Amino acid sequence: PGHGESGRRQRLWLVLEHIQDPMNLGALLRAAYFLGVD
C-alpha cells in the first residue's frame, strides 16, 4: 500500500543465504524491519 512510482524504483529486498543461527536470523529480521527493507 502507498507505493507510487518512486516507491517502486526504491524497492529493497534482503536475501539471506544459509543463515543457520537463530539469534542471527532474528537480529537480521529485526534490523530489516526497522530500517525499511520491503
PDB file of all heavy atoms in Angstrom:
ATOM      1  N   PRO A   1       0.824  -1.209   0.000  1.00  0.00           N
ATOM      2  CA  PRO A   1       0.000   0.000   0.000  1.00  0.00           C
ATOM      3  C   PRO A   1       0.858   1.258   0.000  1.00  0.00           C
ATOM      4  O   PRO A   1       1.877   1.340   0.691  1.00  0.00           O
ATOM      5  CB  PRO A   1      -0.796  -0.122   1.311  1.00  0.00           C
ATOM      6  CG  PRO A   1      -0.774  -1.574   1.652  1.00  0.00           C
ATOM      7  CD  PRO A   1       0.535  -2.093   1.143  1.00  0.00           C
ATOM      8  N   GLY A   2       0.422   2.239  -0.806  1.00  0.00           N
ATOM      9  CA  GLY A   2       1.076   3.537  -0.786  1.00  0.00           C
ATOM     10  C   GLY A   2       2.343   3.636  -1.606  1.00  0.00           C
ATOM     11  O   GLY A   2       3.026   4.651  -1.578  1.00  0.00           O
ATOM     12  N   HIS A   3       2.681   2.591  -2.379  1.00  0.00           N
ATOM     13  CA  HIS A   3       3.887   2.654  -3.188  1.00  0.00           C
ATOM     14  C   HIS A   3       3.565   3.223  -4.566  1.00  0.00           C
ATOM     15  O   HIS A   3       2.909   2.593  -5.380  1.00  0.00           O
ATOM     16  CB  HIS A   3       4.515   1.261  -3.349  1.00  0.00           C
ATOM     17  CG  HIS A   3       5.487   0.964  -2.249  1.00  0.00           C
ATOM     18  ND1 HIS A   3       6.414  -0.034  -2.328  1.00  0.00           N
ATOM     19  CD2 HIS A   3       5.678   1.558  -1.047  1.00  0.00           C
ATOM     20  CE1 HIS A   3       7.130  -0.058  -1.220  1.00  0.00           C
ATOM     21  NE2 HIS A   3       6.692   0.895  -0.430  1.00  0.00           N
ATOM     22  N   GLY A   4       4.042   4.437  -4.817  1.00  0.00           N
ATOM     23  CA  GLY A   4       3.893   5.022  -6.132  1.00  0.00           C
ATOM     24  C   GLY A   4       5.078   4.653  -6.994  1.00  0.00           C
ATOM     25  O   GLY A   4       5.822   3.720  -6.713  1.00  0.00           O
ATOM     26  N   GLU A   5       5.315   5.441  -8.042  1.00  0.00           N
ATOM     27  CA  GLU A   5       6.403   5.133  -8.966  1.00  0.00           C
ATOM     28  C   GLU A   5       7.757   5.205  -8.276  1.00  0.00           C
ATOM     29  O   GLU A   5       8.611   4.343  -8.454  1.00  0.00           O
ATOM     30  CB  GLU A   5       6.370   6.122 -10.152  1.00  0.00           C
ATOM     31  CG  GLU A   5       7.394   5.810 -11.243  1.00  0.00           C
ATOM     32  CD  GLU A   5       7.135   4.459 -11.889  1.00  0.00           C
ATOM     33  OE1 GLU A   5       5.959   4.093 -12.037  1.00  0.00           O
ATOM     34  OE2 GLU A   5       8.111   3.769 -12.242  1.00  0.00           O
ATOM     35  N   SER A   6       7.973   6.262  -7.431  1.00  0.00           N
ATOM     36  CA  SER A   6       9.266   6.363  -6.761  1.00  0.00           C
ATOM     37  C   SER A   6       9.449   5.230  -5.767  1.00  0.00           C
ATOM     38  O   SER A   6      10.549   4.745  -5.559  1.00  0.00           O
ATOM     39  CB  SER A   6       9.385   7.715  -6.051  1.00  0.00           C
ATOM     40  OG  SER A   6       8.426   7.824  -5.016  1.00  0.00           O
ATOM     41  N   GLY A   7       8.343   4.790  -5.130  1.00  0.00           N
ATOM     42  CA  GLY A   7       8.435   3.677  -4.199  1.00  0.00           C
ATOM     43  C   GLY A   7       8.861   2.411  -4.900  1.00  0.00           C
ATOM     44  O   GLY A   7       9.637   1.627  -4.367  1.00  0.00           O
ATOM     45  N   ARG A   8       8.338   2.188  -6.124  1.00  0.00           N
ATOM     46  CA  ARG A   8       8.738   1.004  -6.875  1.00  0.00           C
ATOM     47  C   ARG A   8      10.213   1.080  -7.254  1.00  0.00           C
ATOM     48  O   ARG A   8      10.934   0.097  -7.216  1.00  0.00           O
ATOM     49  CB  ARG A   8       7.863   0.844  -8.112  1.00  0.00           C
ATOM     50  CG  ARG A   8       6.429   0.390  -7.786  1.00  0.00           C
ATOM     51  CD  ARG A   8       5.721  -0.082  -9.030  1.00  0.00           C
ATOM     52  NE  ARG A   8       5.514   0.991  -9.989  1.00  0.00           N
ATOM     53  CZ  ARG A   8       4.462   1.806  -9.985  1.00  0.00           C
ATOM     54  NH1 ARG A   8       3.548   1.684  -9.040  1.00  0.00           N
ATOM     55  NH2 ARG A   8       4.327   2.748 -10.886  1.00  0.00           N
ATOM     56  N   ARG A   9      10.671   2.291  -7.623  1.00  0.00           N
ATOM     57  CA  ARG A   9      12.071   2.444  -8.010  1.00  0.00           C
ATOM     58  C   ARG A   9      12.995   2.163  -6.832  1.00  0.00           C
ATOM     59  O   ARG A   9      14.087   1.645  -6.993  1.00  0.00           O
ATOM     60  CB  ARG A   9      12.301   3.872  -8.515  1.00  0.00           C
ATOM     61  CG  ARG A   9      13.743   4.162  -8.926  1.00  0.00           C
ATOM     62  CD  ARG A   9      13.900   5.577  -9.447  1.00  0.00           C
ATOM     63  NE  ARG A   9      13.541   6.563  -8.468  1.00  0.00           N
ATOM     64  CZ  ARG A   9      14.365   6.976  -7.485  1.00  0.00           C
ATOM     65  NH1 ARG A   9      15.553   6.446  -7.360  1.00  0.00           N
ATOM     66  NH2 ARG A   9      13.978   7.900  -6.638  1.00  0.00           N
ATOM     67  N   GLN A  10      12.549   2.490  -5.630  1.00  0.00           N
ATOM     68  CA  GLN A  10      13.393   2.366  -4.458  1.00  0.00           C
ATOM     69  C   GLN A  10      13.138   1.084  -3.665  1.00  0.00           C
ATOM     70  O   GLN A  10      13.384   1.037  -2.472  1.00  0.00           O
ATOM     71  CB  GLN A  10      13.194   3.579  -3.542  1.00  0.00           C
ATOM     72  CG  GLN A  10      13.785   4.871  -4.091  1.00  0.00           C
ATOM     73  CD  GLN A  10      15.300   4.853  -4.089  1.00  0.00           C
ATOM     74  OE1 GLN A  10      15.920   4.491  -5.077  1.00  0.00           O
ATOM     75  NE2 GLN A  10      15.897   5.228  -2.987  1.00  0.00           N
ATOM     76  N   ARG A  11      12.619   0.065  -4.332  1.00  0.00           N
ATOM     77  CA  ARG A  11      12.386  -1.193  -3.618  1.00  0.00           C
ATOM     78  C   ARG A  11      13.700  -1.821  -3.166  1.00  0.00           C
ATOM     79  O   ARG A  11      14.705  -1.778  -3.861  1.00  0.00           O
ATOM     80  CB  ARG A  11      11.614  -2.169  -4.503  1.00  0.00           C
ATOM     81  CG  ARG A  11      10.123  -1.858  -4.602  1.00  0.00           C
ATOM     82  CD  ARG A  11       9.434  -2.838  -5.526  1.00  0.00           C
ATOM     83  NE  ARG A  11       9.908  -2.678  -6.895  1.00  0.00           N
ATOM     84  CZ  ARG A  11       9.548  -3.476  -7.910  1.00  0.00           C
ATOM     85  NH1 ARG A  11       8.732  -4.485  -7.688  1.00  0.00           N
ATOM     86  NH2 ARG A  11      10.000  -3.267  -9.123  1.00  0.00           N
ATOM     87  N   LEU A  12      13.651  -2.437  -1.985  1.00  0.00           N
ATOM     88  CA  LEU A  12      14.841  -3.070  -1.404  1.00  0.00           C
ATOM     89  C   LEU A  12      14.452  -4.406  -0.796  1.00  0.00           C
ATOM     90  O   LEU A  12      13.589  -4.468   0.081  1.00  0.00           O
ATOM     91  CB  LEU A  12      15.445  -2.163  -0.323  1.00  0.00           C
ATOM     92  CG  LEU A  12      16.588  -2.757   0.507  1.00  0.00           C
ATOM     93  CD1 LEU A  12      17.783  -3.114  -0.377  1.00  0.00           C
ATOM     94  CD2 LEU A  12      17.010  -1.781   1.599  1.00  0.00           C
ATOM     95  N   TRP A  13      15.078  -5.468  -1.291  1.00  0.00           N
ATOM     96  CA  TRP A  13      14.870  -6.815  -0.748  1.00  0.00           C
ATOM     97  C   TRP A  13      16.184  -7.294  -0.141  1.00  0.00           C
ATOM     98  O   TRP A  13      17.267  -7.023  -0.664  1.00  0.00           O
ATOM     99  CB  TRP A  13      14.427  -7.784  -1.835  1.00  0.00           C
ATOM    100  CG  TRP A  13      13.030  -7.574  -2.337  1.00  0.00           C
ATOM    101  CD1 TRP A  13      12.250  -6.469  -2.175  1.00  0.00           C
ATOM    102  CD2 TRP A  13      12.250  -8.499  -3.103  1.00  0.00           C
ATOM    103  NE1 TRP A  13      11.034  -6.641  -2.792  1.00  0.00           N
ATOM    104  CE2 TRP A  13      11.009  -7.886  -3.363  1.00  0.00           C
ATOM    105  CE3 TRP A  13      12.493  -9.773  -3.588  1.00  0.00           C
ATOM    106  CZ2 TRP A  13      10.006  -8.519  -4.089  1.00  0.00           C
ATOM    107  CZ3 TRP A  13      11.487 -10.416  -4.316  1.00  0.00           C
ATOM    108  CH2 TRP A  13      10.261  -9.788  -4.560  1.00  0.00           C
ATOM    109  N   LEU A  14      16.064  -8.022   0.955  1.00  0.00           N
ATOM    110  CA  LEU A  14      17.208  -8.638   1.608  1.00  0.00           C
ATOM    111  C   LEU A  14      17.127 -10.142   1.413  1.00  0.00           C
ATOM    112  O   LEU A  14      16.105 -10.752   1.720  1.00  0.00           O
ATOM    113  CB  LEU A  14      17.215  -8.307   3.107  1.00  0.00           C
ATOM    114  CG  LEU A  14      18.336  -8.932   3.943  1.00  0.00           C
ATOM    115  CD1 LEU A  14      19.691  -8.357   3.539  1.00  0.00           C
ATOM    116  CD2 LEU A  14      18.076  -8.713   5.431  1.00  0.00           C
ATOM    117  N   VAL A  15      18.199 -10.744   0.893  1.00  0.00           N
ATOM    118  CA  VAL A  15      18.255 -12.189   0.680  1.00  0.00           C
ATOM    119  C   VAL A  15      19.268 -12.782   1.650  1.00  0.00           C
ATOM    120  O   VAL A  15      20.400 -12.295   1.764  1.00  0.00           O
ATOM    121  CB  VAL A  15      18.651 -12.514  -0.779  1.00  0.00           C
ATOM    122  CG1 VAL A  15      19.013 -13.991  -0.922  1.00  0.00           C
ATOM    123  CG2 VAL A  15      17.513 -12.160  -1.725  1.00  0.00           C
ATOM    124  N   LEU A  16      18.860 -13.823   2.352  1.00  0.00           N
ATOM    125  CA  LEU A  16      19.697 -14.486   3.347  1.00  0.00           C
ATOM    126  C   LEU A  16      20.050 -15.884   2.851  1.00  0.00           C
ATOM    127  O   LEU A  16      19.168 -16.722   2.671  1.00  0.00           O
ATOM    128  CB  LEU A  16      18.959 -14.566   4.692  1.00  0.00           C
ATOM    129  CG  LEU A  16      18.399 -13.243   5.215  1.00  0.00           C
ATOM    130  CD1 LEU A  16      17.606 -13.485   6.492  1.00  0.00           C
ATOM    131  CD2 LEU A  16      19.518 -12.230   5.446  1.00  0.00           C
ATOM    132  N   GLU A  17      21.334 -16.122   2.636  1.00  0.00           N
ATOM    133  CA  GLU A  17      21.786 -17.414   2.120  1.00  0.00           C
ATOM    134  C   GLU A  17      22.380 -18.250   3.250  1.00  0.00           C
ATOM    135  O   GLU A  17      23.433 -17.935   3.790  1.00  0.00           O
ATOM    136  CB  GLU A  17      22.830 -17.215   1.010  1.00  0.00           C
ATOM    137  CG  GLU A  17      23.270 -18.543   0.394  1.00  0.00           C
ATOM    138  CD  GLU A  17      24.327 -18.377  -0.685  1.00  0.00           C
ATOM    139  OE1 GLU A  17      25.155 -17.448  -0.565  1.00  0.00           O
ATOM    140  OE2 GLU A  17      24.331 -19.169  -1.642  1.00  0.00           O
ATOM    141  N   HIS A  18      21.663 -19.302   3.639  1.00  0.00           N
ATOM    142  CA  HIS A  18      22.161 -20.291   4.592  1.00  0.00           C
ATOM    143  C   HIS A  18      22.512 -19.696   5.958  1.00  0.00           C
ATOM    144  O   HIS A  18      23.532 -20.041   6.549  1.00  0.00           O
ATOM    145  CB  HIS A  18      23.374 -21.037   4.017  1.00  0.00           C
ATOM    146  CG  HIS A  18      23.084 -21.720   2.708  1.00  0.00           C
ATOM    147  ND1 HIS A  18      24.071 -22.061   1.809  1.00  0.00           N
ATOM    148  CD2 HIS A  18      21.920 -22.124   2.150  1.00  0.00           C
ATOM    149  CE1 HIS A  18      23.518 -22.637   0.749  1.00  0.00           C
ATOM    150  NE2 HIS A  18      22.210 -22.694   0.939  1.00  0.00           N
ATOM    151  N   ILE A  19      21.663 -18.800   6.457  1.00  0.00           N
ATOM    152  CA  ILE A  19      21.823 -18.317   7.834  1.00  0.00           C
ATOM    153  C   ILE A  19      21.311 -19.414   8.763  1.00  0.00           C
ATOM    154  O   ILE A  19      20.155 -19.829   8.675  1.00  0.00           O
ATOM    155  CB  ILE A  19      21.032 -17.017   8.056  1.00  0.00           C
ATOM    156  CG1 ILE A  19      21.550 -15.902   7.139  1.00  0.00           C
ATOM    157  CG2 ILE A  19      21.113 -16.598   9.525  1.00  0.00           C
ATOM    158  CD1 ILE A  19      22.982 -15.500   7.396  1.00  0.00           C
ATOM    159  N   GLN A  20      22.167 -19.879   9.660  1.00  0.00           N
ATOM    160  CA  GLN A  20      21.837 -21.061  10.459  1.00  0.00           C
ATOM    161  C   GLN A  20      21.631 -20.779  11.941  1.00  0.00           C
ATOM    162  O   GLN A  20      21.010 -21.574  12.639  1.00  0.00           O
ATOM    163  CB  GLN A  20      22.930 -22.118  10.287  1.00  0.00           C
ATOM    164  CG  GLN A  20      23.045 -22.600   8.844  1.00  0.00           C
ATOM    165  CD  GLN A  20      24.119 -23.649   8.655  1.00  0.00           C
ATOM    166  OE1 GLN A  20      25.069 -23.719   9.424  1.00  0.00           O
ATOM    167  NE2 GLN A  20      23.978 -24.471   7.633  1.00  0.00           N
ATOM    168  N   ASP A  21      22.127 -19.671  12.438  1.00  0.00           N
ATOM    169  CA  ASP A  21      21.998 -19.363  13.858  1.00  0.00           C
ATOM    170  C   ASP A  21      20.687 -18.605  14.097  1.00  0.00           C
ATOM    171  O   ASP A  21      20.468 -17.548  13.493  1.00  0.00           O
ATOM    172  CB  ASP A  21      23.184 -18.508  14.317  1.00  0.00           C
ATOM    173  CG  ASP A  21      23.167 -18.271  15.816  1.00  0.00           C
ATOM    174  OD1 ASP A  21      22.316 -17.484  16.273  1.00  0.00           O
ATOM    175  OD2 ASP A  21      23.985 -18.868  16.529  1.00  0.00           O
ATOM    176  N   PRO A  22      19.805 -19.125  14.952  1.00  0.00           N
ATOM    177  CA  PRO A  22      18.507 -18.462  15.154  1.00  0.00           C
ATOM    178  C   PRO A  22      18.621 -17.062  15.741  1.00  0.00           C
ATOM    179  O   PRO A  22      17.797 -16.191  15.424  1.00  0.00           O
ATOM    180  CB  PRO A  22      17.758 -19.405  16.102  1.00  0.00           C
ATOM    181  CG  PRO A  22      18.818 -20.244  16.742  1.00  0.00           C
ATOM    182  CD  PRO A  22      19.911 -20.371  15.740  1.00  0.00           C
ATOM    183  N   MET A  23      19.629 -16.823  16.580  1.00  0.00           N
ATOM    184  CA  MET A  23      19.816 -15.480  17.123  1.00  0.00           C
ATOM    185  C   MET A  23      20.203 -14.502  16.018  1.00  0.00           C
ATOM    186  O   MET A  23      19.733 -13.360  15.986  1.00  0.00           O
ATOM    187  CB  MET A  23      20.880 -15.500  18.218  1.00  0.00           C
ATOM    188  CG  MET A  23      20.541 -16.382  19.407  1.00  0.00           C
ATOM    189  SD  MET A  23      19.060 -15.822  20.285  1.00  0.00           S
ATOM    190  CE  MET A  23      19.694 -14.335  21.051  1.00  0.00           C
ATOM    191  N   ASN A  24      21.069 -14.946  15.109  1.00  0.00           N
ATOM    192  CA  ASN A  24      21.432 -14.095  13.977  1.00  0.00           C
ATOM    193  C   ASN A  24      20.233 -13.827  13.081  1.00  0.00           C
ATOM    194  O   ASN A  24      20.014 -12.690  12.636  1.00  0.00           O
ATOM    195  CB  ASN A  24      22.550 -14.742  13.165  1.00  0.00           C
ATOM    196  CG  ASN A  24      23.920 -14.570  13.795  1.00  0.00           C
ATOM    197  OD1 ASN A  24      24.154 -13.637  14.551  1.00  0.00           O
ATOM    198  ND2 ASN A  24      24.823 -15.480  13.492  1.00  0.00           N
ATOM    199  N   LEU A  25      19.459 -14.873  12.778  1.00  0.00           N
ATOM    200  CA  LEU A  25      18.301 -14.688  11.913  1.00  0.00           C
ATOM    201  C   LEU A  25      17.315 -13.709  12.536  1.00  0.00           C
ATOM    202  O   LEU A  25      16.791 -12.812  11.860  1.00  0.00           O
ATOM    203  CB  LEU A  25      17.626 -16.037  11.636  1.00  0.00           C
ATOM    204  CG  LEU A  25      16.384 -15.991  10.749  1.00  0.00           C
ATOM    205  CD1 LEU A  25      16.678 -15.299   9.421  1.00  0.00           C
ATOM    206  CD2 LEU A  25      15.842 -17.396  10.517  1.00  0.00           C
ATOM    207  N   GLY A  26      17.059 -13.849  13.827  1.00  0.00           N
ATOM    208  CA  GLY A  26      16.154 -12.924  14.494  1.00  0.00           C
ATOM    209  C   GLY A  26      16.660 -11.495  14.453  1.00  0.00           C
ATOM    210  O   GLY A  26      15.900 -10.553  14.186  1.00  0.00           O
ATOM    211  N   ALA A  27      17.965 -11.313  14.700  1.00  0.00           N
ATOM    212  CA  ALA A  27      18.549  -9.968  14.665  1.00  0.00           C
ATOM    213  C   ALA A  27      18.495  -9.379  13.259  1.00  0.00           C
ATOM    214  O   ALA A  27      18.254  -8.181  13.078  1.00  0.00           O
ATOM    215  CB  ALA A  27      19.988 -10.011  15.172  1.00  0.00           C
ATOM    216  N   LEU A  28      18.701 -10.215  12.239  1.00  0.00           N
ATOM    217  CA  LEU A  28      18.610  -9.751  10.847  1.00  0.00           C
ATOM    218  C   LEU A  28      17.192  -9.279  10.516  1.00  0.00           C
ATOM    219  O   LEU A  28      17.000  -8.235   9.876  1.00  0.00           O
ATOM    220  CB  LEU A  28      19.030 -10.883   9.903  1.00  0.00           C
ATOM    221  CG  LEU A  28      20.529 -11.150   9.809  1.00  0.00           C
ATOM    222  CD1 LEU A  28      20.796 -12.541   9.253  1.00  0.00           C
ATOM    223  CD2 LEU A  28      21.205 -10.088   8.937  1.00  0.00           C
ATOM    224  N   LEU A  29      16.194 -10.052  10.949  1.00  0.00           N
ATOM    225  CA  LEU A  29      14.812  -9.662  10.678  1.00  0.00           C
ATOM    226  C   LEU A  29      14.456  -8.363  11.405  1.00  0.00           C
ATOM    227  O   LEU A  29      13.757  -7.501  10.866  1.00  0.00           O
ATOM    228  CB  LEU A  29      13.857 -10.780  11.102  1.00  0.00           C
ATOM    229  CG  LEU A  29      13.983 -12.088  10.330  1.00  0.00           C
ATOM    230  CD1 LEU A  29      13.002 -13.125  10.865  1.00  0.00           C
ATOM    231  CD2 LEU A  29      13.756 -11.874   8.844  1.00  0.00           C
ATOM    232  N   ARG A  30      14.936  -8.235  12.638  1.00  0.00           N
ATOM    233  CA  ARG A  30      14.662  -7.010  13.403  1.00  0.00           C
ATOM    234  C   ARG A  30      15.260  -5.795  12.705  1.00  0.00           C
ATOM    235  O   ARG A  30      14.606  -4.750  12.567  1.00  0.00           O
ATOM    236  CB  ARG A  30      15.242  -7.169  14.810  1.00  0.00           C
ATOM    237  CG  ARG A  30      14.949  -6.008  15.742  1.00  0.00           C
ATOM    238  CD  ARG A  30      15.494  -6.299  17.137  1.00  0.00           C
ATOM    239  NE  ARG A  30      15.112  -5.275  18.094  1.00  0.00           N
ATOM    240  CZ  ARG A  30      15.394  -5.334  19.388  1.00  0.00           C
ATOM    241  NH1 ARG A  30      16.052  -6.375  19.879  1.00  0.00           N
ATOM    242  NH2 ARG A  30      15.015  -4.351  20.196  1.00  0.00           N
ATOM    243  N   ALA A  31      16.518  -5.909  12.245  1.00  0.00           N
ATOM    244  CA  ALA A  31      17.172  -4.798  11.557  1.00  0.00           C
ATOM    245  C   ALA A  31      16.483  -4.477  10.235  1.00  0.00           C
ATOM    246  O   ALA A  31      16.271  -3.304   9.892  1.00  0.00           O
ATOM    247  CB  ALA A  31      18.647  -5.121  11.320  1.00  0.00           C
ATOM    248  N   ALA A  32      16.124  -5.527   9.468  1.00  0.00           N
ATOM    249  CA  ALA A  32      15.471  -5.319   8.177  1.00  0.00           C
ATOM    250  C   ALA A  32      14.135  -4.612   8.351  1.00  0.00           C
ATOM    251  O   ALA A  32      13.790  -3.676   7.600  1.00  0.00           O
ATOM    252  CB  ALA A  32      15.276  -6.657   7.464  1.00  0.00           C
ATOM    253  N   TYR A  33      13.367  -5.039   9.344  1.00  0.00           N
ATOM    254  CA  TYR A  33      12.070  -4.409   9.603  1.00  0.00           C
ATOM    255  C   TYR A  33      12.252  -2.954  10.034  1.00  0.00           C
ATOM    256  O   TYR A  33      11.579  -2.048   9.534  1.00  0.00           O
ATOM    257  CB  TYR A  33      11.333  -5.196  10.681  1.00  0.00           C
ATOM    258  CG  TYR A  33      10.013  -4.587  11.083  1.00  0.00           C
ATOM    259  CD1 TYR A  33       8.893  -4.697  10.258  1.00  0.00           C
ATOM    260  CD2 TYR A  33       9.888  -3.889  12.283  1.00  0.00           C
ATOM    261  CE1 TYR A  33       7.685  -4.133  10.620  1.00  0.00           C
ATOM    262  CE2 TYR A  33       8.679  -3.320  12.647  1.00  0.00           C
ATOM    263  CZ  TYR A  33       7.579  -3.446  11.812  1.00  0.00           C
ATOM    264  OH  TYR A  33       6.385  -2.878  12.172  1.00  0.00           O
ATOM    265  N   PHE A  34      13.181  -2.715  10.950  1.00  0.00           N
ATOM    266  CA  PHE A  34      13.396  -1.371  11.493  1.00  0.00           C
ATOM    267  C   PHE A  34      13.863  -0.401  10.410  1.00  0.00           C
ATOM    268  O   PHE A  34      13.425   0.752  10.357  1.00  0.00           O
ATOM    269  CB  PHE A  34      14.429  -1.433  12.621  1.00  0.00           C
ATOM    270  CG  PHE A  34      14.697  -0.115  13.282  1.00  0.00           C
ATOM    271  CD1 PHE A  34      13.929   0.323  14.346  1.00  0.00           C
ATOM    272  CD2 PHE A  34      15.742   0.704  12.842  1.00  0.00           C
ATOM    273  CE1 PHE A  34      14.172   1.540  14.961  1.00  0.00           C
ATOM    274  CE2 PHE A  34      15.998   1.931  13.440  1.00  0.00           C
ATOM    275  CZ  PHE A  34      15.209   2.350  14.511  1.00  0.00           C
ATOM    276  N   LEU A  35      14.759  -0.856   9.527  1.00  0.00           N
ATOM    277  CA  LEU A  35      15.385   0.039   8.560  1.00  0.00           C
ATOM    278  C   LEU A  35      14.579   0.219   7.281  1.00  0.00           C
ATOM    279  O   LEU A  35      14.911   1.064   6.462  1.00  0.00           O
ATOM    280  CB  LEU A  35      16.789  -0.464   8.234  1.00  0.00           C
ATOM    281  CG  LEU A  35      17.783  -0.345   9.400  1.00  0.00           C
ATOM    282  CD1 LEU A  35      19.064  -1.105   9.106  1.00  0.00           C
ATOM    283  CD2 LEU A  35      18.100   1.125   9.696  1.00  0.00           C
ATOM    284  N   GLY A  36      13.516  -0.560   7.086  1.00  0.00           N
ATOM    285  CA  GLY A  36      12.633  -0.316   5.950  1.00  0.00           C
ATOM    286  C   GLY A  36      12.798  -1.232   4.770  1.00  0.00           C
ATOM    287  O   GLY A  36      12.361  -0.901   3.659  1.00  0.00           O
ATOM    288  N   VAL A  37      13.419  -2.398   4.965  1.00  0.00           N
ATOM    289  CA  VAL A  37      13.504  -3.379   3.879  1.00  0.00           C
ATOM    290  C   VAL A  37      12.093  -3.832   3.507  1.00  0.00           C
ATOM    291  O   VAL A  37      11.237  -4.038   4.379  1.00  0.00           O
ATOM    292  CB  VAL A  37      14.366  -4.585   4.321  1.00  0.00           C
ATOM    293  CG1 VAL A  37      14.279  -5.729   3.327  1.00  0.00           C
ATOM    294  CG2 VAL A  37      15.808  -4.152   4.528  1.00  0.00           C
ATOM    295  N   ASP A  38      11.835  -3.990   2.207  1.00  0.00           N
ATOM    296  CA  ASP A  38      10.492  -4.345   1.749  1.00  0.00           C
ATOM    297  C   ASP A  38      10.199  -5.834   1.869  1.00  0.00           C
ATOM    298  O   ASP A  38       9.088  -6.232   2.228  1.00  0.00           O
ATOM    299  CB  ASP A  38      10.311  -3.907   0.280  1.00  0.00           C
ATOM    300  CG  ASP A  38      10.447  -2.403   0.132  1.00  0.00           C
ATOM    301  OD1 ASP A  38       9.673  -1.671   0.768  1.00  0.00           O
ATOM    302  OD2 ASP A  38      11.340  -1.970  -0.616  1.00  0.00           O
TER     303      ASP A  38
END
